[in-house]
Amino acid sequence: MLKYPLVFVFSVSPFLLLAERIYTDEQIAFWEDEAFPVLEENCWSCHGVSKKIRGGLILTTLEGVLKGGEFGPAVDLDNPKNSLLL
């Protein structure tokens, strides 16, 4: 067990915050043209921007999508066809 656990957390966490995901132009275009409009129109009023998130599912962050809600993760990265979101 660490003698000074908070020192460890505060010394490591800035490096985790600096981690950046790199996306291709194709991935960004897909998000902007295909995924975002569908989510915005059909999903975010209950699972994104409202104060009361239904079913515990938050779709505005990657972490929220992967964590999922009452029925589990919204997306299965290992087998996308089995994703609840689809």
PDB file of N, CA and C in Angstrom:
ATOM      1  N   MET A   1       0.840  -1.168   0.000  1.00  0.00           N
ATOM      2  CA  MET A   1       0.000   0.000   0.000  1.00  0.00           C
ATOM      3  C   MET A   1       0.892   1.241   0.000  1.00  0.00           C
ATOM      4  N   LEU A   2       0.501   2.233  -0.770  1.00  0.00           N
ATOM      5  CA  LEU A   2       1.284   3.459  -0.861  1.00  0.00           C
ATOM      6  C   LEU A   2       1.195   4.256   0.428  1.00  0.00           C
ATOM      7  N   LYS A   3       2.332   4.813   0.822  1.00  0.00           N
ATOM      8  CA  LYS A   3       2.353   5.614   2.037  1.00  0.00           C
ATOM      9  C   LYS A   3       1.645   6.947   1.827  1.00  0.00           C
ATOM     10  N   TYR A   4       1.776   7.522   0.646  1.00  0.00           N
ATOM     11  CA  TYR A   4       1.163   8.810   0.314  1.00  0.00           C
ATOM     12  C   TYR A   4       0.320   8.667  -0.952  1.00  0.00           C
ATOM     13  N   PRO A   5      -0.823   7.996  -0.884  1.00  0.00           N
ATOM     14  CA  PRO A   5      -1.610   7.719  -2.094  1.00  0.00           C
ATOM     15  C   PRO A   5      -2.065   8.971  -2.831  1.00  0.00           C
ATOM     16  N   LEU A   6      -2.425  10.050  -2.131  1.00  0.00           N
ATOM     17  CA  LEU A   6      -2.886  11.250  -2.827  1.00  0.00           C
ATOM     18  C   LEU A   6      -1.769  11.905  -3.623  1.00  0.00           C
ATOM     19  N   VAL A   7      -0.550  11.846  -3.107  1.00  0.00           N
ATOM     20  CA  VAL A   7       0.590  12.388  -3.852  1.00  0.00           C
ATOM     21  C   VAL A   7       0.748  11.627  -5.153  1.00  0.00           C
ATOM     22  N   PHE A   8       0.591  10.305  -5.089  1.00  0.00           N
ATOM     23  CA  PHE A   8       0.699   9.483  -6.298  1.00  0.00           C
ATOM     24  C   PHE A   8      -0.387   9.842  -7.301  1.00  0.00           C
ATOM     25  N   VAL A   9      -1.626   9.963  -6.835  1.00  0.00           N
ATOM     26  CA  VAL A   9      -2.748  10.285  -7.726  1.00  0.00           C
ATOM     27  C   VAL A   9      -2.536  11.628  -8.399  1.00  0.00           C
ATOM     28  N   PHE A  10      -2.148  12.645  -7.631  1.00  0.00           N
ATOM     29  CA  PHE A  10      -1.981  13.974  -8.204  1.00  0.00           C
ATOM     30  C   PHE A  10      -0.744  14.083  -9.079  1.00  0.00           C
ATOM     31  N   SER A  11       0.238  13.218  -8.891  1.00  0.00           N
ATOM     32  CA  SER A  11       1.428  13.280  -9.735  1.00  0.00           C
ATOM     33  C   SER A  11       1.222  12.527 -11.048  1.00  0.00           C
ATOM     34  N   VAL A  12       0.354  11.525 -11.051  1.00  0.00           N
ATOM     35  CA  VAL A  12       0.121  10.733 -12.258  1.00  0.00           C
ATOM     36  C   VAL A  12      -1.036  11.281 -13.086  1.00  0.00           C
ATOM     37  N   SER A  13      -2.087  11.776 -12.457  1.00  0.00           N
ATOM     38  CA  SER A  13      -3.297  12.176 -13.183  1.00  0.00           C
ATOM     39  C   SER A  13      -3.056  13.252 -14.247  1.00  0.00           C
ATOM     40  N   PRO A  14      -2.156  14.231 -14.078  1.00  0.00           N
ATOM     41  CA  PRO A  14      -1.950  15.189 -15.171  1.00  0.00           C
ATOM     42  C   PRO A  14      -1.489  14.513 -16.462  1.00  0.00           C
ATOM     43  N   PHE A  15      -0.715  13.440 -16.343  1.00  0.00           N
ATOM     44  CA  PHE A  15      -0.253  12.740 -17.539  1.00  0.00           C
ATOM     45  C   PHE A  15      -1.403  12.010 -18.228  1.00  0.00           C
ATOM     46  N   LEU A  16      -2.344  11.514 -17.434  1.00  0.00           N
ATOM     47  CA  LEU A  16      -3.509  10.855 -18.027  1.00  0.00           C
ATOM     48  C   LEU A  16      -4.381  11.870 -18.760  1.00  0.00           C
ATOM     49  N   LEU A  17      -4.467  13.074 -18.239  1.00  0.00           N
ATOM     50  CA  LEU A  17      -5.274  14.112 -18.877  1.00  0.00           C
ATOM     51  C   LEU A  17      -4.661  14.569 -20.194  1.00  0.00           C
ATOM     52  N   LEU A  18      -3.347  14.439 -20.315  1.00  0.00           N
ATOM     53  CA  LEU A  18      -2.665  14.867 -21.537  1.00  0.00           C
ATOM     54  C   LEU A  18      -2.806  13.856 -22.668  1.00  0.00           C
ATOM     55  N   ALA A  19      -3.222  12.624 -22.327  1.00  0.00           N
ATOM     56  CA  ALA A  19      -3.395  11.604 -23.361  1.00  0.00           C
ATOM     57  C   ALA A  19      -4.430  12.087 -24.370  1.00  0.00           C
ATOM     58  N   GLU A  20      -4.104  11.982 -25.627  1.00  0.00           N
ATOM     59  CA  GLU A  20      -4.964  12.520 -26.669  1.00  0.00           C
ATOM     60  C   GLU A  20      -5.281  11.434 -27.689  1.00  0.00           C
ATOM     61  N   ARG A  21      -6.509  11.381 -28.123  1.00  0.00           N
ATOM     62  CA  ARG A  21      -6.890  10.438 -29.170  1.00  0.00           C
ATOM     63  C   ARG A  21      -6.679  11.108 -30.516  1.00  0.00           C
ATOM     64  N   ILE A  22      -6.198  10.361 -31.466  1.00  0.00           N
ATOM     65  CA  ILE A  22      -5.973  10.867 -32.810  1.00  0.00           C
ATOM     66  C   ILE A  22      -7.009  10.218 -33.730  1.00  0.00           C
ATOM     67  N   TYR A  23      -7.730  11.042 -34.478  1.00  0.00           N
ATOM     68  CA  TYR A  23      -8.756  10.544 -35.390  1.00  0.00           C
ATOM     69  C   TYR A  23      -8.391  10.903 -36.818  1.00  0.00           C
ATOM     70  N   THR A  24      -8.772  10.039 -37.743  1.00  0.00           N
ATOM     71  CA  THR A  24      -8.524  10.306 -39.165  1.00  0.00           C
ATOM     72  C   THR A  24      -9.576  11.285 -39.678  1.00  0.00           C
ATOM     73  N   ASP A  25      -9.283  11.903 -40.816  1.00  0.00           N
ATOM     74  CA  ASP A  25     -10.256  12.801 -41.443  1.00  0.00           C
ATOM     75  C   ASP A  25     -11.546  12.055 -41.780  1.00  0.00           C
ATOM     76  N   GLU A  26     -11.413  10.803 -42.175  1.00  0.00           N
ATOM     77  CA  GLU A  26     -12.586   9.984 -42.509  1.00  0.00           C
ATOM     78  C   GLU A  26     -13.458   9.749 -41.272  1.00  0.00           C
ATOM     79  N   GLN A  27     -12.836   9.476 -40.132  1.00  0.00           N
ATOM     80  CA  GLN A  27     -13.587   9.263 -38.899  1.00  0.00           C
ATOM     81  C   GLN A  27     -14.293  10.542 -38.457  1.00  0.00           C
ATOM     82  N   ILE A  28     -13.618  11.657 -38.573  1.00  0.00           N
ATOM     83  CA  ILE A  28     -14.219  12.937 -38.202  1.00  0.00           C
ATOM     84  C   ILE A  28     -15.390  13.271 -39.113  1.00  0.00           C
ATOM     85  N   ALA A  29     -15.219  13.037 -40.414  1.00  0.00           N
ATOM     86  CA  ALA A  29     -16.298  13.301 -41.370  1.00  0.00           C
ATOM     87  C   ALA A  29     -17.508  12.410 -41.081  1.00  0.00           C
ATOM     88  N   PHE A  30     -17.266  11.130 -40.765  1.00  0.00           N
ATOM     89  CA  PHE A  30     -18.364  10.223 -40.433  1.00  0.00           C
ATOM     90  C   PHE A  30     -19.117  10.736 -39.207  1.00  0.00           C
ATOM     91  N   TRP A  31     -18.366  11.147 -38.181  1.00  0.00           N
ATOM     92  CA  TRP A  31     -19.003  11.668 -36.971  1.00  0.00           C
ATOM     93  C   TRP A  31     -19.862  12.884 -37.288  1.00  0.00           C
ATOM     94  N   GLU A  32     -19.295  13.846 -38.004  1.00  0.00           N
ATOM     95  CA  GLU A  32     -19.993  15.097 -38.277  1.00  0.00           C
ATOM     96  C   GLU A  32     -21.188  14.917 -39.210  1.00  0.00           C
ATOM     97  N   ASP A  33     -21.045  14.068 -40.211  1.00  0.00           N
ATOM     98  CA  ASP A  33     -22.073  13.943 -41.249  1.00  0.00           C
ATOM     99  C   ASP A  33     -23.124  12.862 -40.962  1.00  0.00           C
ATOM    100  N   GLU A  34     -22.721  11.797 -40.263  1.00  0.00           N
ATOM    101  CA  GLU A  34     -23.621  10.654 -40.078  1.00  0.00           C
ATOM    102  C   GLU A  34     -24.061  10.458 -38.632  1.00  0.00           C
ATOM    103  N   ALA A  35     -23.128  10.293 -37.736  1.00  0.00           N
ATOM    104  CA  ALA A  35     -23.453   9.910 -36.358  1.00  0.00           C
ATOM    105  C   ALA A  35     -24.043  11.060 -35.548  1.00  0.00           C
ATOM    106  N   PHE A  36     -23.387  12.206 -35.532  1.00  0.00           N
ATOM    107  CA  PHE A  36     -23.833  13.323 -34.711  1.00  0.00           C
ATOM    108  C   PHE A  36     -25.272  13.738 -35.007  1.00  0.00           C
ATOM    109  N   PRO A  37     -25.661  13.928 -36.271  1.00  0.00           N
ATOM    110  CA  PRO A  37     -27.048  14.344 -36.531  1.00  0.00           C
ATOM    111  C   PRO A  37     -28.094  13.342 -36.026  1.00  0.00           C
ATOM    112  N   VAL A  38     -27.811  12.053 -36.153  1.00  0.00           N
ATOM    113  CA  VAL A  38     -28.757  11.033 -35.692  1.00  0.00           C
ATOM    114  C   VAL A  38     -28.886  11.068 -34.173  1.00  0.00           C
ATOM    115  N   LEU A  39     -27.750  11.128 -33.483  1.00  0.00           N
ATOM    116  CA  LEU A  39     -27.782  11.186 -32.021  1.00  0.00           C
ATOM    117  C   LEU A  39     -28.461  12.459 -31.532  1.00  0.00           C
ATOM    118  N   GLU A  40     -28.133  13.567 -32.161  1.00  0.00           N
ATOM    119  CA  GLU A  40     -28.711  14.845 -31.750  1.00  0.00           C
ATOM    120  C   GLU A  40     -30.225  14.852 -31.915  1.00  0.00           C
ATOM    121  N   GLU A  41     -30.701  14.321 -33.012  1.00  0.00           N
ATOM    122  CA  GLU A  41     -32.134  14.342 -33.303  1.00  0.00           C
ATOM    123  C   GLU A  41     -32.929  13.319 -32.489  1.00  0.00           C
ATOM    124  N   ASN A  42     -32.335  12.152 -32.259  1.00  0.00           N
ATOM    125  CA  ASN A  42     -33.106  11.052 -31.682  1.00  0.00           C
ATOM    126  C   ASN A  42     -32.752  10.639 -30.259  1.00  0.00           C
ATOM    127  N   CYS A  43     -31.577  11.016 -29.782  1.00  0.00           N
ATOM    128  CA  CYS A  43     -31.103  10.423 -28.529  1.00  0.00           C
ATOM    129  C   CYS A  43     -30.758  11.414 -27.424  1.00  0.00           C
ATOM    130  N   TRP A  44     -30.164  12.526 -27.771  1.00  0.00           N
ATOM    131  CA  TRP A  44     -29.584  13.407 -26.760  1.00  0.00           C
ATOM    132  C   TRP A  44     -30.591  14.120 -25.881  1.00  0.00           C
ATOM    133  N   SER A  45     -31.833  14.232 -26.289  1.00  0.00           N
ATOM    134  CA  SER A  45     -32.799  14.884 -25.401  1.00  0.00           C
ATOM    135  C   SER A  45     -33.000  14.057 -24.132  1.00  0.00           C
ATOM    136  N   CYS A  46     -32.805  12.758 -24.203  1.00  0.00           N
ATOM    137  CA  CYS A  46     -32.951  11.897 -23.024  1.00  0.00           C
ATOM    138  C   CYS A  46     -31.621  11.362 -22.497  1.00  0.00           C
ATOM    139  N   HIS A  47     -30.610  11.277 -23.347  1.00  0.00           N
ATOM    140  CA  HIS A  47     -29.344  10.644 -22.981  1.00  0.00           C
ATOM    141  C   HIS A  47     -28.145  11.554 -23.203  1.00  0.00           C
ATOM    142  N   GLY A  48     -28.369  12.855 -23.047  1.00  0.00           N
ATOM    143  CA  GLY A  48     -27.232  13.719 -23.271  1.00  0.00           C
ATOM    144  C   GLY A  48     -27.324  15.073 -22.624  1.00  0.00           C
ATOM    145  N   VAL A  49     -28.251  15.874 -23.066  1.00  0.00           N
ATOM    146  CA  VAL A  49     -28.269  17.266 -22.623  1.00  0.00           C
ATOM    147  C   VAL A  49     -29.298  17.559 -21.541  1.00  0.00           C
ATOM    148  N   SER A  50     -30.137  16.620 -21.221  1.00  0.00           N
ATOM    149  CA  SER A  50     -31.141  16.874 -20.192  1.00  0.00           C
ATOM    150  C   SER A  50     -30.526  16.720 -18.805  1.00  0.00           C
ATOM    151  N   LYS A  51     -31.134  17.359 -17.833  1.00  0.00           N
ATOM    152  CA  LYS A  51     -30.643  17.237 -16.455  1.00  0.00           C
ATOM    153  C   LYS A  51     -30.920  15.846 -15.895  1.00  0.00           C
ATOM    154  N   LYS A  52     -32.000  15.236 -16.354  1.00  0.00           N
ATOM    155  CA  LYS A  52     -32.331  13.887 -15.905  1.00  0.00           C
ATOM    156  C   LYS A  52     -32.036  12.914 -17.048  1.00  0.00           C
ATOM    157  N   ILE A  53     -30.986  12.150 -16.892  1.00  0.00           N
ATOM    158  CA  ILE A  53     -30.577  11.185 -17.907  1.00  0.00           C
ATOM    159  C   ILE A  53     -31.397   9.909 -17.723  1.00  0.00           C
ATOM    160  N   ARG A  54     -32.072   9.490 -18.759  1.00  0.00           N
ATOM    161  CA  ARG A  54     -32.938   8.306 -18.676  1.00  0.00           C
ATOM    162  C   ARG A  54     -32.110   7.030 -18.747  1.00  0.00           C
ATOM    163  N   GLY A  55     -32.434   6.102 -17.873  1.00  0.00           N
ATOM    164  CA  GLY A  55     -31.810   4.787 -17.883  1.00  0.00           C
ATOM    165  C   GLY A  55     -30.335   4.784 -17.534  1.00  0.00           C
ATOM    166  N   GLY A  56     -29.807   5.906 -17.097  1.00  0.00           N
ATOM    167  CA  GLY A  56     -28.398   5.970 -16.746  1.00  0.00           C
ATOM    168  C   GLY A  56     -27.453   5.981 -17.930  1.00  0.00           C
ATOM    169  N   LEU A  57     -27.987   6.097 -19.141  1.00  0.00           N
ATOM    170  CA  LEU A  57     -27.162   6.061 -20.348  1.00  0.00           C
ATOM    171  C   LEU A  57     -26.806   7.469 -20.800  1.00  0.00           C
ATOM    172  N   ILE A  58     -25.513   7.761 -20.807  1.00  0.00           N
ATOM    173  CA  ILE A  58     -25.012   9.059 -21.254  1.00  0.00           C
ATOM    174  C   ILE A  58     -24.294   8.861 -22.584  1.00  0.00           C
ATOM    175  N   LEU A  59     -24.784   9.528 -23.618  1.00  0.00           N
ATOM    176  CA  LEU A  59     -24.211   9.357 -24.957  1.00  0.00           C
ATOM    177  C   LEU A  59     -23.325  10.516 -25.401  1.00  0.00           C
ATOM    178  N   THR A  60     -23.034  11.439 -24.525  1.00  0.00           N
ATOM    179  CA  THR A  60     -22.237  12.598 -24.916  1.00  0.00           C
ATOM    180  C   THR A  60     -20.747  12.402 -24.710  1.00  0.00           C
ATOM    181  N   THR A  61     -20.343  11.280 -24.089  1.00  0.00           N
ATOM    182  CA  THR A  61     -18.926  10.993 -23.916  1.00  0.00           C
ATOM    183  C   THR A  61     -18.650   9.541 -24.286  1.00  0.00           C
ATOM    184  N   LEU A  62     -17.433   9.280 -24.698  1.00  0.00           N
ATOM    185  CA  LEU A  62     -17.038   7.906 -25.007  1.00  0.00           C
ATOM    186  C   LEU A  62     -17.160   7.033 -23.766  1.00  0.00           C
ATOM    187  N   GLU A  63     -16.764   7.569 -22.637  1.00  0.00           N
ATOM    188  CA  GLU A  63     -16.846   6.808 -21.393  1.00  0.00           C
ATOM    189  C   GLU A  63     -18.282   6.435 -21.070  1.00  0.00           C
ATOM    190  N   GLY A  64     -19.207   7.360 -21.300  1.00  0.00           N
ATOM    191  CA  GLY A  64     -20.613   7.083 -21.052  1.00  0.00           C
ATOM    192  C   GLY A  64     -21.164   6.004 -21.965  1.00  0.00           C
ATOM    193  N   VAL A  65     -20.780   6.034 -23.219  1.00  0.00           N
ATOM    194  CA  VAL A  65     -21.232   5.030 -24.187  1.00  0.00           C
ATOM    195  C   VAL A  65     -20.695   3.656 -23.811  1.00  0.00           C
ATOM    196  N   LEU A  66     -19.420   3.594 -23.450  1.00  0.00           N
ATOM    197  CA  LEU A  66     -18.812   2.312 -23.115  1.00  0.00           C
ATOM    198  C   LEU A  66     -19.330   1.761 -21.783  1.00  0.00           C
ATOM    199  N   LYS A  67     -19.611   2.649 -20.831  1.00  0.00           N
ATOM    200  CA  LYS A  67     -20.158   2.218 -19.545  1.00  0.00           C
ATOM    201  C   LYS A  67     -21.593   1.747 -19.710  1.00  0.00           C
ATOM    202  N   GLY A  68     -22.347   2.495 -20.491  1.00  0.00           N
ATOM    203  CA  GLY A  68     -23.735   2.138 -20.739  1.00  0.00           C
ATOM    204  C   GLY A  68     -24.667   2.560 -19.622  1.00  0.00           C
ATOM    205  N   GLY A  69     -25.837   1.958 -19.636  1.00  0.00           N
ATOM    206  CA  GLY A  69     -26.868   2.296 -18.658  1.00  0.00           C
ATOM    207  C   GLY A  69     -27.446   1.049 -18.030  1.00  0.00           C
ATOM    208  N   GLU A  70     -28.740   1.075 -17.801  1.00  0.00           N
ATOM    209  CA  GLU A  70     -29.438  -0.037 -17.148  1.00  0.00           C
ATOM    210  C   GLU A  70     -29.229  -1.385 -17.833  1.00  0.00           C
ATOM    211  N   PHE A  71     -29.099  -1.367 -19.144  1.00  0.00           N
ATOM    212  CA  PHE A  71     -29.005  -2.618 -19.894  1.00  0.00           C
ATOM    213  C   PHE A  71     -27.587  -2.974 -20.305  1.00  0.00           C
ATOM    214  N   GLY A  72     -26.597  -2.225 -19.803  1.00  0.00           N
ATOM    215  CA  GLY A  72     -25.202  -2.516 -20.096  1.00  0.00           C
ATOM    216  C   GLY A  72     -24.622  -1.533 -21.097  1.00  0.00           C
ATOM    217  N   PRO A  73     -23.410  -1.818 -21.563  1.00  0.00           N
ATOM    218  CA  PRO A  73     -22.737  -0.923 -22.504  1.00  0.00           C
ATOM    219  C   PRO A  73     -23.549  -0.712 -23.777  1.00  0.00           C
ATOM    220  N   ALA A  74     -23.553   0.519 -24.268  1.00  0.00           N
ATOM    221  CA  ALA A  74     -24.304   0.830 -25.482  1.00  0.00           C
ATOM    222  C   ALA A  74     -23.598   0.287 -26.718  1.00  0.00           C
ATOM    223  N   VAL A  75     -22.281   0.145 -26.629  1.00  0.00           N
ATOM    224  CA  VAL A  75     -21.490  -0.317 -27.764  1.00  0.00           C
ATOM    225  C   VAL A  75     -20.578  -1.445 -27.320  1.00  0.00           C
ATOM    226  N   ASP A  76     -20.519  -2.491 -28.114  1.00  0.00           N
ATOM    227  CA  ASP A  76     -19.594  -3.603 -27.900  1.00  0.00           C
ATOM    228  C   ASP A  76     -18.471  -3.439 -28.914  1.00  0.00           C
ATOM    229  N   LEU A  77     -17.306  -2.976 -28.459  1.00  0.00           N
ATOM    230  CA  LEU A  77     -16.203  -2.717 -29.383  1.00  0.00           C
ATOM    231  C   LEU A  77     -15.638  -3.987 -29.991  1.00  0.00           C
ATOM    232  N   ASP A  78     -15.752  -5.112 -29.279  1.00  0.00           N
ATOM    233  CA  ASP A  78     -15.246  -6.380 -29.813  1.00  0.00           C
ATOM    234  C   ASP A  78     -16.177  -6.974 -30.861  1.00  0.00           C
ATOM    235  N   ASN A  79     -17.475  -6.683 -30.753  1.00  0.00           N
ATOM    236  CA  ASN A  79     -18.451  -7.230 -31.687  1.00  0.00           C
ATOM    237  C   ASN A  79     -19.520  -6.150 -31.926  1.00  0.00           C
ATOM    238  N   PRO A  80     -19.218  -5.149 -32.753  1.00  0.00           N
ATOM    239  CA  PRO A  80     -20.131  -4.008 -32.947  1.00  0.00           C
ATOM    240  C   PRO A  80     -21.556  -4.405 -33.337  1.00  0.00           C
ATOM    241  N   LYS A  81     -21.732  -5.519 -34.044  1.00  0.00           N
ATOM    242  CA  LYS A  81     -23.080  -5.924 -34.455  1.00  0.00           C
ATOM    243  C   LYS A  81     -23.968  -6.259 -33.267  1.00  0.00           C
ATOM    244  N   ASN A  82     -23.363  -6.574 -32.123  1.00  0.00           N
ATOM    245  CA  ASN A  82     -24.114  -6.877 -30.915  1.00  0.00           C
ATOM    246  C   ASN A  82     -24.358  -5.669 -30.040  1.00  0.00           C
ATOM    247  N   SER A  83     -23.965  -4.509 -30.496  1.00  0.00           N
ATOM    248  CA  SER A  83     -24.116  -3.286 -29.713  1.00  0.00           C
ATOM    249  C   SER A  83     -25.577  -2.932 -29.510  1.00  0.00           C
ATOM    250  N   LEU A  84     -25.932  -2.575 -28.284  1.00  0.00           N
ATOM    251  CA  LEU A  84     -27.310  -2.182 -27.975  1.00  0.00           C
ATOM    252  C   LEU A  84     -27.701  -0.913 -28.715  1.00  0.00           C
ATOM    253  N   LEU A  85     -26.747  -0.028 -28.932  1.00  0.00           N
ATOM    254  CA  LEU A  85     -27.035   1.239 -29.613  1.00  0.00           C
ATOM    255  C   LEU A  85     -27.518   0.997 -31.029  1.00  0.00           C
ATOM    256  N   LEU A  86     -27.010  -0.020 -31.673  1.00  0.00           N
ATOM    257  CA  LEU A  86     -27.432  -0.306 -33.040  1.00  0.00           C
ATOM    258  C   LEU A  86     -28.790  -0.966 -33.057  1.00  0.00           C
TER     259      LEU A  86
END
